[in-house]
Full PDB file with SEQRES, HELIX, SHEET, SSBOND, CRYST1, ORIGX, SCALE, CONECT and MASTER records, all heavy atoms in Angstrom:
SEQRES   1 A   37  GLU SER GLY GLY GLY LEU VAL GLN PRO GLY GLY SER LEU          
SEQRES   2 A   37  ARG LEU SER CYS VAL ALA SER THR ARG ILE SER ILE TYR          
SEQRES   3 A   37  ARG MET GLY TRP TYR ARG GLN ALA PRO GLY ASN                  
CRYST1    1.000    1.000    1.000  90.00  90.00  90.00 P 1           1          
ORIGX1      1.000000  0.000000  0.000000        0.00000                         
ORIGX2      0.000000  1.000000  0.000000        0.00000                         
ORIGX3      0.000000  0.000000  1.000000        0.00000                         
SCALE1      1.000000  0.000000  0.000000        0.00000                         
SCALE2      0.000000  1.000000  0.000000        0.00000                         
SCALE3      0.000000  0.000000  1.000000        0.00000                         
ATOM      1  N   GLU A   1       0.833  -1.207  -0.015  1.00  0.00           N  
ATOM      2  CA  GLU A   1       0.009  -0.009  -0.002  1.00  0.00           C  
ATOM      3  C   GLU A   1       0.851   1.247  -0.014  1.00  0.00           C  
ATOM      4  O   GLU A   1       1.995   1.237   0.493  1.00  0.00           O  
ATOM      5  CB  GLU A   1      -0.895   0.042   1.231  1.00  0.00           C  
ATOM      6  CG  GLU A   1      -1.843  -1.096   1.392  1.00  0.00           C  
ATOM      7  CD  GLU A   1      -1.387  -2.082   2.437  1.00  0.00           C  
ATOM      8  OE1 GLU A   1      -0.143  -2.158   2.645  1.00  0.00           O  
ATOM      9  OE2 GLU A   1      -2.207  -2.796   3.039  1.00  0.00           O  
ATOM     10  N   SER A   2       0.318   2.325  -0.516  1.00  0.00           N  
ATOM     11  CA  SER A   2       0.973   3.628  -0.458  1.00  0.00           C  
ATOM     12  C   SER A   2      -0.110   4.694  -0.526  1.00  0.00           C  
ATOM     13  O   SER A   2      -1.262   4.432  -0.847  1.00  0.00           O  
ATOM     14  CB  SER A   2       1.975   3.784  -1.589  1.00  0.00           C  
ATOM     15  OG  SER A   2       1.332   3.706  -2.860  1.00  0.00           O  
ATOM     16  N   GLY A   3       0.295   5.930  -0.227  1.00  0.00           N  
ATOM     17  CA  GLY A   3      -0.617   7.061  -0.385  1.00  0.00           C  
ATOM     18  C   GLY A   3      -1.163   7.631   0.903  1.00  0.00           C  
ATOM     19  O   GLY A   3      -1.872   8.639   0.899  1.00  0.00           O  
ATOM     20  N   GLY A   4      -0.869   6.985   2.012  1.00  0.00           N  
ATOM     21  CA  GLY A   4      -1.344   7.510   3.272  1.00  0.00           C  
ATOM     22  C   GLY A   4      -0.589   8.757   3.674  1.00  0.00           C  
ATOM     23  O   GLY A   4       0.391   9.156   3.051  1.00  0.00           O  
ATOM     24  N   GLY A   5      -1.082   9.371   4.757  1.00  0.00           N  
ATOM     25  CA  GLY A   5      -0.398  10.562   5.243  1.00  0.00           C  
ATOM     26  C   GLY A   5      -1.288  11.368   6.140  1.00  0.00           C  
ATOM     27  O   GLY A   5      -2.369  10.902   6.602  1.00  0.00           O  
ATOM     28  N   LEU A   6      -0.872  12.612   6.370  1.00  0.00           N  
ATOM     29  CA  LEU A   6      -1.634  13.545   7.214  1.00  0.00           C  
ATOM     30  C   LEU A   6      -2.405  14.488   6.318  1.00  0.00           C  
ATOM     31  O   LEU A   6      -1.824  15.096   5.391  1.00  0.00           O  
ATOM     32  CB  LEU A   6      -0.665  14.329   8.104  1.00  0.00           C  
ATOM     33  CG  LEU A   6      -1.256  15.466   8.939  1.00  0.00           C  
ATOM     34  CD1 LEU A   6      -2.254  14.912   9.948  1.00  0.00           C  
ATOM     35  CD2 LEU A   6      -0.137  16.232   9.627  1.00  0.00           C  
ATOM     36  N   VAL A   7      -3.680  14.665   6.591  1.00  0.00           N  
ATOM     37  CA  VAL A   7      -4.513  15.543   5.789  1.00  0.00           C  
ATOM     38  C   VAL A   7      -5.485  16.271   6.698  1.00  0.00           C  
ATOM     39  O   VAL A   7      -5.864  15.745   7.750  1.00  0.00           O  
ATOM     40  CB  VAL A   7      -5.252  14.759   4.685  1.00  0.00           C  
ATOM     41  CG1 VAL A   7      -6.216  13.733   5.304  1.00  0.00           C  
ATOM     42  CG2 VAL A   7      -5.992  15.660   3.721  1.00  0.00           C  
ATOM     43  N   GLN A   8      -5.848  17.484   6.328  1.00  0.00           N  
ATOM     44  CA  GLN A   8      -6.817  18.234   7.126  1.00  0.00           C  
ATOM     45  C   GLN A   8      -8.251  17.736   6.892  1.00  0.00           C  
ATOM     46  O   GLN A   8      -8.545  17.195   5.813  1.00  0.00           O  
ATOM     47  CB  GLN A   8      -6.729  19.692   6.805  1.00  0.00           C  
ATOM     48  CG  GLN A   8      -5.412  20.374   7.222  1.00  0.00           C  
ATOM     49  CD  GLN A   8      -5.430  21.856   6.993  1.00  0.00           C  
ATOM     50  OE1 GLN A   8      -6.235  22.394   6.244  1.00  0.00           O  
ATOM     51  NE2 GLN A   8      -4.516  22.556   7.656  1.00  0.00           N  
ATOM     52  N   PRO A   9      -9.114  17.955   7.844  1.00  0.00           N  
ATOM     53  CA  PRO A   9     -10.522  17.594   7.621  1.00  0.00           C  
ATOM     54  C   PRO A   9     -11.075  18.247   6.358  1.00  0.00           C  
ATOM     55  O   PRO A   9     -10.781  19.414   6.095  1.00  0.00           O  
ATOM     56  CB  PRO A   9     -11.201  18.111   8.863  1.00  0.00           C  
ATOM     57  CG  PRO A   9     -10.165  18.080   9.928  1.00  0.00           C  
ATOM     58  CD  PRO A   9      -8.886  18.404   9.224  1.00  0.00           C  
ATOM     59  N   GLY A  10     -11.822  17.477   5.604  1.00  0.00           N  
ATOM     60  CA  GLY A  10     -12.325  17.972   4.342  1.00  0.00           C  
ATOM     61  C   GLY A  10     -11.444  17.688   3.145  1.00  0.00           C  
ATOM     62  O   GLY A  10     -11.833  17.868   1.998  1.00  0.00           O  
ATOM     63  N   GLY A  11     -10.225  17.241   3.429  1.00  0.00           N  
ATOM     64  CA  GLY A  11      -9.261  16.987   2.378  1.00  0.00           C  
ATOM     65  C   GLY A  11      -9.455  15.603   1.711  1.00  0.00           C  
ATOM     66  O   GLY A  11     -10.371  14.880   2.052  1.00  0.00           O  
ATOM     67  N   SER A  12      -8.535  15.314   0.798  1.00  0.00           N  
ATOM     68  CA  SER A  12      -8.617  14.080   0.024  1.00  0.00           C  
ATOM     69  C   SER A  12      -7.281  13.356   0.017  1.00  0.00           C  
ATOM     70  O   SER A  12      -6.223  14.011   0.145  1.00  0.00           O  
ATOM     71  CB  SER A  12      -9.031  14.364  -1.441  1.00  0.00           C  
ATOM     72  OG  SER A  12     -10.323  14.953  -1.487  1.00  0.00           O  
ATOM     73  N   LEU A  13      -7.371  12.054  -0.112  1.00  0.00           N  
ATOM     74  CA  LEU A  13      -6.190  11.219  -0.310  1.00  0.00           C  
ATOM     75  C   LEU A  13      -6.571  10.072  -1.245  1.00  0.00           C  
ATOM     76  O   LEU A  13      -7.743   9.676  -1.278  1.00  0.00           O  
ATOM     77  CB  LEU A  13      -5.711  10.578   0.988  1.00  0.00           C  
ATOM     78  CG  LEU A  13      -4.904  11.434   1.986  1.00  0.00           C  
ATOM     79  CD1 LEU A  13      -4.630  10.646   3.252  1.00  0.00           C  
ATOM     80  CD2 LEU A  13      -3.570  11.908   1.366  1.00  0.00           C  
ATOM     81  N   ARG A  14      -5.587   9.567  -1.964  1.00  0.00           N  
ATOM     82  CA  ARG A  14      -5.825   8.368  -2.757  1.00  0.00           C  
ATOM     83  C   ARG A  14      -4.799   7.317  -2.370  1.00  0.00           C  
ATOM     84  O   ARG A  14      -3.582   7.537  -2.488  1.00  0.00           O  
ATOM     85  CB  ARG A  14      -5.700   8.661  -4.271  1.00  0.00           C  
ATOM     86  CG  ARG A  14      -6.145   7.441  -5.091  1.00  0.00           C  
ATOM     87  CD  ARG A  14      -6.165   7.679  -6.585  1.00  0.00           C  
ATOM     88  NE  ARG A  14      -4.841   7.543  -7.186  1.00  0.00           N  
ATOM     89  CZ  ARG A  14      -4.623   7.179  -8.460  1.00  0.00           C  
ATOM     90  NH1 ARG A  14      -5.675   6.940  -9.247  1.00  0.00           N  
ATOM     91  NH2 ARG A  14      -3.425   7.078  -8.944  1.00  0.00           N  
ATOM     92  N   LEU A  15      -5.314   6.201  -1.916  1.00  0.00           N  
ATOM     93  CA  LEU A  15      -4.476   5.095  -1.554  1.00  0.00           C  
ATOM     94  C   LEU A  15      -4.332   4.143  -2.769  1.00  0.00           C  
ATOM     95  O   LEU A  15      -5.260   3.995  -3.529  1.00  0.00           O  
ATOM     96  CB  LEU A  15      -5.074   4.303  -0.392  1.00  0.00           C  
ATOM     97  CG  LEU A  15      -5.399   5.095   0.868  1.00  0.00           C  
ATOM     98  CD1 LEU A  15      -5.890   4.157   1.960  1.00  0.00           C  
ATOM     99  CD2 LEU A  15      -4.204   5.888   1.348  1.00  0.00           C  
ATOM    100  N   SER A  16      -3.143   3.567  -2.852  1.00  0.00           N  
ATOM    101  CA  SER A  16      -2.888   2.565  -3.914  1.00  0.00           C  
ATOM    102  C   SER A  16      -2.387   1.290  -3.286  1.00  0.00           C  
ATOM    103  O   SER A  16      -1.726   1.292  -2.239  1.00  0.00           O  
ATOM    104  CB  SER A  16      -1.832   3.108  -4.884  1.00  0.00           C  
ATOM    105  OG  SER A  16      -2.228   4.279  -5.512  1.00  0.00           O  
ATOM    106  N   CYS A  17      -2.689   0.189  -3.929  1.00  0.00           N  
ATOM    107  CA  CYS A  17      -2.224  -1.107  -3.469  1.00  0.00           C  
ATOM    108  C   CYS A  17      -1.794  -1.892  -4.695  1.00  0.00           C  
ATOM    109  O   CYS A  17      -2.628  -2.189  -5.579  1.00  0.00           O  
ATOM    110  CB  CYS A  17      -3.330  -1.838  -2.744  1.00  0.00           C  
ATOM    111  SG  CYS A  17      -3.008  -3.579  -2.375  1.00  0.00           S  
ATOM    112  N   VAL A  18      -0.512  -2.189  -4.764  1.00  0.00           N  
ATOM    113  CA  VAL A  18       0.039  -2.957  -5.876  1.00  0.00           C  
ATOM    114  C   VAL A  18       0.256  -4.396  -5.456  1.00  0.00           C  
ATOM    115  O   VAL A  18       0.885  -4.636  -4.416  1.00  0.00           O  
ATOM    116  CB  VAL A  18       1.355  -2.334  -6.375  1.00  0.00           C  
ATOM    117  CG1 VAL A  18       1.909  -3.131  -7.546  1.00  0.00           C  
ATOM    118  CG2 VAL A  18       1.141  -0.869  -6.775  1.00  0.00           C  
ATOM    119  N   ALA A  19      -0.233  -5.290  -6.275  1.00  0.00           N  
ATOM    120  CA  ALA A  19      -0.096  -6.750  -5.979  1.00  0.00           C  
ATOM    121  C   ALA A  19       1.023  -7.348  -6.788  1.00  0.00           C  
ATOM    122  O   ALA A  19       1.370  -6.905  -7.906  1.00  0.00           O  
ATOM    123  CB  ALA A  19      -1.409  -7.447  -6.267  1.00  0.00           C  
ATOM    124  N   SER A  20       1.580  -8.457  -6.258  1.00  0.00           N  
ATOM    125  CA  SER A  20       2.663  -9.133  -6.918  1.00  0.00           C  
ATOM    126  C   SER A  20       2.160 -10.179  -7.901  1.00  0.00           C  
ATOM    127  O   SER A  20       2.958 -10.895  -8.511  1.00  0.00           O  
ATOM    128  CB  SER A  20       3.558  -9.844  -5.869  1.00  0.00           C  
ATOM    129  OG  SER A  20       2.824 -10.796  -5.169  1.00  0.00           O  
ATOM    130  N   THR A  21       0.838 -10.256  -8.063  1.00  0.00           N  
ATOM    131  CA  THR A  21       0.277 -11.203  -8.960  1.00  0.00           C  
ATOM    132  C   THR A  21      -0.945 -10.571  -9.660  1.00  0.00           C  
ATOM    133  O   THR A  21      -1.340  -9.485  -9.288  1.00  0.00           O  
ATOM    134  CB  THR A  21      -0.163 -12.469  -8.223  1.00  0.00           C  
ATOM    135  OG1 THR A  21      -0.505 -13.522  -9.140  1.00  0.00           O  
ATOM    136  CG2 THR A  21      -1.378 -12.163  -7.314  1.00  0.00           C  
ATOM    137  N   ARG A  22      -1.467 -11.271 -10.643  1.00  0.00           N  
ATOM    138  CA  ARG A  22      -2.637 -10.758 -11.334  1.00  0.00           C  
ATOM    139  C   ARG A  22      -3.814 -10.770 -10.371  1.00  0.00           C  
ATOM    140  O   ARG A  22      -4.087 -11.769  -9.729  1.00  0.00           O  
ATOM    141  CB  ARG A  22      -2.933 -11.620 -12.555  1.00  0.00           C  
ATOM    142  CG  ARG A  22      -1.854 -11.530 -13.613  1.00  0.00           C  
ATOM    143  CD  ARG A  22      -2.133 -12.460 -14.776  1.00  0.00           C  
ATOM    144  NE  ARG A  22      -3.376 -12.036 -15.485  1.00  0.00           N  
ATOM    145  CZ  ARG A  22      -3.857 -12.679 -16.533  1.00  0.00           C  
ATOM    146  NH1 ARG A  22      -3.226 -13.736 -17.005  1.00  0.00           N  
ATOM    147  NH2 ARG A  22      -4.956 -12.225 -17.131  1.00  0.00           N  
ATOM    148  N   ILE A  23      -4.524  -9.641 -10.309  1.00  0.00           N  
ATOM    149  CA  ILE A  23      -5.594  -9.535  -9.306  1.00  0.00           C  
ATOM    150  C   ILE A  23      -6.963  -9.719  -9.911  1.00  0.00           C  
ATOM    151  O   ILE A  23      -7.982  -9.597  -9.211  1.00  0.00           O  
ATOM    152  CB  ILE A  23      -5.571  -8.153  -8.597  1.00  0.00           C  
ATOM    153  CG1 ILE A  23      -5.793  -7.030  -9.588  1.00  0.00           C  
ATOM    154  CG2 ILE A  23      -4.225  -7.977  -7.860  1.00  0.00           C  
ATOM    155  CD1 ILE A  23      -6.053  -5.697  -8.925  1.00  0.00           C  
ATOM    156  N   SER A  24      -7.028 -10.018 -11.204  1.00  0.00           N  
ATOM    157  CA  SER A  24      -8.342 -10.000 -11.883  1.00  0.00           C  
ATOM    158  C   SER A  24      -9.338 -11.009 -11.296  1.00  0.00           C  
ATOM    159  O   SER A  24     -10.534 -10.805 -11.371  1.00  0.00           O  
ATOM    160  CB  SER A  24      -8.150 -10.276 -13.365  1.00  0.00           C  
ATOM    161  OG  SER A  24      -7.486 -11.536 -13.569  1.00  0.00           O  
ATOM    162  N   ILE A  25      -8.816 -12.087 -10.675  1.00  0.00           N  
ATOM    163  CA  ILE A  25      -9.723 -13.088 -10.157  1.00  0.00           C  
ATOM    164  C   ILE A  25     -10.040 -12.864  -8.673  1.00  0.00           C  
ATOM    165  O   ILE A  25     -10.873 -13.587  -8.111  1.00  0.00           O  
ATOM    166  CB  ILE A  25      -9.174 -14.524 -10.336  1.00  0.00           C  
ATOM    167  CG1 ILE A  25      -7.850 -14.681  -9.592  1.00  0.00           C  
ATOM    168  CG2 ILE A  25      -9.036 -14.843 -11.823  1.00  0.00           C  
ATOM    169  CD1 ILE A  25      -7.316 -16.125  -9.583  1.00  0.00           C  
ATOM    170  N   TYR A  26      -9.401 -11.906  -8.068  1.00  0.00           N  
ATOM    171  CA  TYR A  26      -9.555 -11.647  -6.623  1.00  0.00           C  
ATOM    172  C   TYR A  26     -10.613 -10.647  -6.313  1.00  0.00           C  
ATOM    173  O   TYR A  26     -10.830  -9.705  -7.069  1.00  0.00           O  
ATOM    174  CB  TYR A  26      -8.236 -11.190  -6.014  1.00  0.00           C  
ATOM    175  CG  TYR A  26      -7.178 -12.250  -5.878  1.00  0.00           C  
ATOM    176  CD1 TYR A  26      -6.316 -12.535  -6.950  1.00  0.00           C  
ATOM    177  CD2 TYR A  26      -7.033 -12.959  -4.707  1.00  0.00           C  
ATOM    178  CE1 TYR A  26      -5.343 -13.499  -6.819  1.00  0.00           C  
ATOM    179  CE2 TYR A  26      -6.069 -13.919  -4.569  1.00  0.00           C  
ATOM    180  CZ  TYR A  26      -5.209 -14.194  -5.631  1.00  0.00           C  
ATOM    181  OH  TYR A  26      -4.255 -15.157  -5.499  1.00  0.00           O  
ATOM    182  N   ARG A  27     -11.298 -10.859  -5.212  1.00  0.00           N  
ATOM    183  CA  ARG A  27     -12.058  -9.784  -4.622  1.00  0.00           C  
ATOM    184  C   ARG A  27     -11.046  -8.911  -3.876  1.00  0.00           C  
ATOM    185  O   ARG A  27     -10.288  -9.382  -3.045  1.00  0.00           O  
ATOM    186  CB  ARG A  27     -13.045 -10.355  -3.618  1.00  0.00           C  
ATOM    187  CG  ARG A  27     -13.809  -9.329  -2.787  1.00  0.00           C  
ATOM    188  CD  ARG A  27     -14.651 -10.025  -1.739  1.00  0.00           C  
ATOM    189  NE  ARG A  27     -15.415  -9.140  -0.858  1.00  0.00           N  
ATOM    190  CZ  ARG A  27     -14.969  -8.697   0.307  1.00  0.00           C  
ATOM    191  NH1 ARG A  27     -13.757  -9.044   0.716  1.00  0.00           N  
ATOM    192  NH2 ARG A  27     -15.724  -7.904   1.041  1.00  0.00           N  
ATOM    193  N   MET A  28     -11.029  -7.628  -4.198  1.00  0.00           N  
ATOM    194  CA  MET A  28     -10.062  -6.694  -3.612  1.00  0.00           C  
ATOM    195  C   MET A  28     -10.807  -5.781  -2.637  1.00  0.00           C  
ATOM    196  O   MET A  28     -11.901  -5.300  -2.930  1.00  0.00           O  
ATOM    197  CB  MET A  28      -9.385  -5.846  -4.675  1.00  0.00           C  
ATOM    198  CG  MET A  28      -8.611  -6.685  -5.689  1.00  0.00           C  
ATOM    199  SD  MET A  28      -7.277  -7.690  -4.960  1.00  0.00           S  
ATOM    200  CE  MET A  28      -6.199  -6.406  -4.286  1.00  0.00           C  
ATOM    201  N   GLY A  29     -10.188  -5.534  -1.504  1.00  0.00           N  
ATOM    202  CA  GLY A  29     -10.837  -4.711  -0.499  1.00  0.00           C  
ATOM    203  C   GLY A  29      -9.885  -3.831   0.253  1.00  0.00           C  
ATOM    204  O   GLY A  29      -8.654  -4.052   0.249  1.00  0.00           O  
ATOM    205  N   TRP A  30     -10.433  -2.816   0.849  1.00  0.00           N  
ATOM    206  CA  TRP A  30      -9.736  -1.928   1.785  1.00  0.00           C  
ATOM    207  C   TRP A  30     -10.416  -2.046   3.124  1.00  0.00           C  
ATOM    208  O   TRP A  30     -11.634  -1.964   3.237  1.00  0.00           O  
ATOM    209  CB  TRP A  30      -9.744  -0.492   1.286  1.00  0.00           C  
ATOM    210  CG  TRP A  30      -8.906  -0.213   0.122  1.00  0.00           C  
ATOM    211  CD1 TRP A  30      -9.269  -0.187  -1.198  1.00  0.00           C  
ATOM    212  CD2 TRP A  30      -7.491   0.076   0.142  1.00  0.00           C  
ATOM    213  NE1 TRP A  30      -8.191   0.099  -1.991  1.00  0.00           N  
ATOM    214  CE2 TRP A  30      -7.079   0.276  -1.170  1.00  0.00           C  
ATOM    215  CE3 TRP A  30      -6.538   0.207   1.153  1.00  0.00           C  
ATOM    216  CZ2 TRP A  30      -5.765   0.587  -1.527  1.00  0.00           C  
ATOM    217  CZ3 TRP A  30      -5.254   0.503   0.839  1.00  0.00           C  
ATOM    218  CH2 TRP A  30      -4.861   0.700  -0.501  1.00  0.00           C  
ATOM    219  N   TYR A  31      -9.578  -2.238   4.157  1.00  0.00           N  
ATOM    220  CA  TYR A  31     -10.041  -2.296   5.532  1.00  0.00           C  
ATOM    221  C   TYR A  31      -9.289  -1.222   6.317  1.00  0.00           C  
ATOM    222  O   TYR A  31      -8.257  -0.740   5.854  1.00  0.00           O  
ATOM    223  CB  TYR A  31      -9.763  -3.688   6.123  1.00  0.00           C  
ATOM    224  CG  TYR A  31     -10.607  -4.777   5.571  1.00  0.00           C  
ATOM    225  CD1 TYR A  31     -10.400  -5.273   4.295  1.00  0.00           C  
ATOM    226  CD2 TYR A  31     -11.605  -5.403   6.348  1.00  0.00           C  
ATOM    227  CE1 TYR A  31     -11.183  -6.295   3.764  1.00  0.00           C  
ATOM    228  CE2 TYR A  31     -12.380  -6.414   5.827  1.00  0.00           C  
ATOM    229  CZ  TYR A  31     -12.165  -6.862   4.557  1.00  0.00           C  
ATOM    230  OH  TYR A  31     -12.921  -7.886   4.055  1.00  0.00           O  
ATOM    231  N   ARG A  32      -9.773  -0.914   7.485  1.00  0.00           N  
ATOM    232  CA  ARG A  32      -9.082   0.004   8.351  1.00  0.00           C  
ATOM    233  C   ARG A  32      -9.204  -0.434   9.807  1.00  0.00           C  
ATOM    234  O   ARG A  32     -10.137  -1.097  10.183  1.00  0.00           O  
ATOM    235  CB  ARG A  32      -9.572   1.437   8.167  1.00  0.00           C  
ATOM    236  CG  ARG A  32     -10.976   1.699   8.643  1.00  0.00           C  
ATOM    237  CD  ARG A  32     -11.427   3.117   8.264  1.00  0.00           C  
ATOM    238  NE  ARG A  32     -12.777   3.405   8.702  1.00  0.00           N  
ATOM    239  CZ  ARG A  32     -13.456   4.461   8.362  1.00  0.00           C  
ATOM    240  NH1 ARG A  32     -12.873   5.398   7.557  1.00  0.00           N  
ATOM    241  NH2 ARG A  32     -14.668   4.673   8.814  1.00  0.00           N  
ATOM    242  N   GLN A  33      -8.212  -0.002  10.567  1.00  0.00           N  
ATOM    243  CA  GLN A  33      -8.211  -0.301  11.995  1.00  0.00           C  
ATOM    244  C   GLN A  33      -7.705   0.901  12.740  1.00  0.00           C  
ATOM    245  O   GLN A  33      -6.537   1.328  12.534  1.00  0.00           O  
ATOM    246  CB  GLN A  33      -7.385  -1.533  12.302  1.00  0.00           C  
ATOM    247  CG  GLN A  33      -7.459  -1.981  13.756  1.00  0.00           C  
ATOM    248  CD  GLN A  33      -6.864  -3.354  13.958  1.00  0.00           C  
ATOM    249  OE1 GLN A  33      -6.075  -3.847  13.157  1.00  0.00           O  
ATOM    250  NE2 GLN A  33      -7.239  -3.998  15.068  1.00  0.00           N  
ATOM    251  N   ALA A  34      -8.533   1.456  13.586  1.00  0.00           N  
ATOM    252  CA  ALA A  34      -8.146   2.560  14.472  1.00  0.00           C  
ATOM    253  C   ALA A  34      -7.728   1.989  15.797  1.00  0.00           C  
ATOM    254  O   ALA A  34      -8.145   0.869  16.168  1.00  0.00           O  
ATOM    255  CB  ALA A  34      -9.304   3.500  14.645  1.00  0.00           C  
ATOM    256  N   PRO A  35      -6.912   2.706  16.580  1.00  0.00           N  
ATOM    257  CA  PRO A  35      -6.465   2.218  17.875  1.00  0.00           C  
ATOM    258  C   PRO A  35      -7.655   1.827  18.762  1.00  0.00           C  
ATOM    259  O   PRO A  35      -8.608   2.598  18.911  1.00  0.00           O  
ATOM    260  CB  PRO A  35      -5.690   3.390  18.463  1.00  0.00           C  
ATOM    261  CG  PRO A  35      -5.207   4.118  17.264  1.00  0.00           C  
ATOM    262  CD  PRO A  35      -6.283   3.998  16.241  1.00  0.00           C  
ATOM    263  N   GLY A  36      -7.579   0.634  19.323  1.00  0.00           N  
ATOM    264  CA  GLY A  36      -8.626   0.184  20.194  1.00  0.00           C  
ATOM    265  C   GLY A  36      -9.857  -0.387  19.535  1.00  0.00           C  
ATOM    266  O   GLY A  36     -10.772  -0.857  20.177  1.00  0.00           O  
ATOM    267  N   ASN A  37      -9.838  -0.349  18.174  1.00  0.00           N  
ATOM    268  CA  ASN A  37     -10.984  -0.871  17.439  1.00  0.00           C  
ATOM    269  C   ASN A  37     -10.636  -2.112  16.652  1.00  0.00           C  
ATOM    270  O   ASN A  37      -9.457  -2.363  16.368  1.00  0.00           O  
ATOM    271  CB  ASN A  37     -11.507   0.214  16.476  1.00  0.00           C  
ATOM    272  CG  ASN A  37     -12.127   1.395  17.173  1.00  0.00           C  
ATOM    273  OD1 ASN A  37     -12.306   1.368  18.376  1.00  0.00           O  
ATOM    274  ND2 ASN A  37     -12.483   2.410  16.407  1.00  0.00           N  
TER     275      ASN A  37                                                      
MASTER        0    0    0    0    0    0    0    6  274    1    0    3          
END                                                                             
């Protein structure tokens, strides 16, 4: 993954995830985890 960082409220970011294999057959997802969650 790449593209994370610090941004102000209301701002935008684009995350990217590059795989080492062909992803066409995979279900691809983004998950998140905050501290304590």
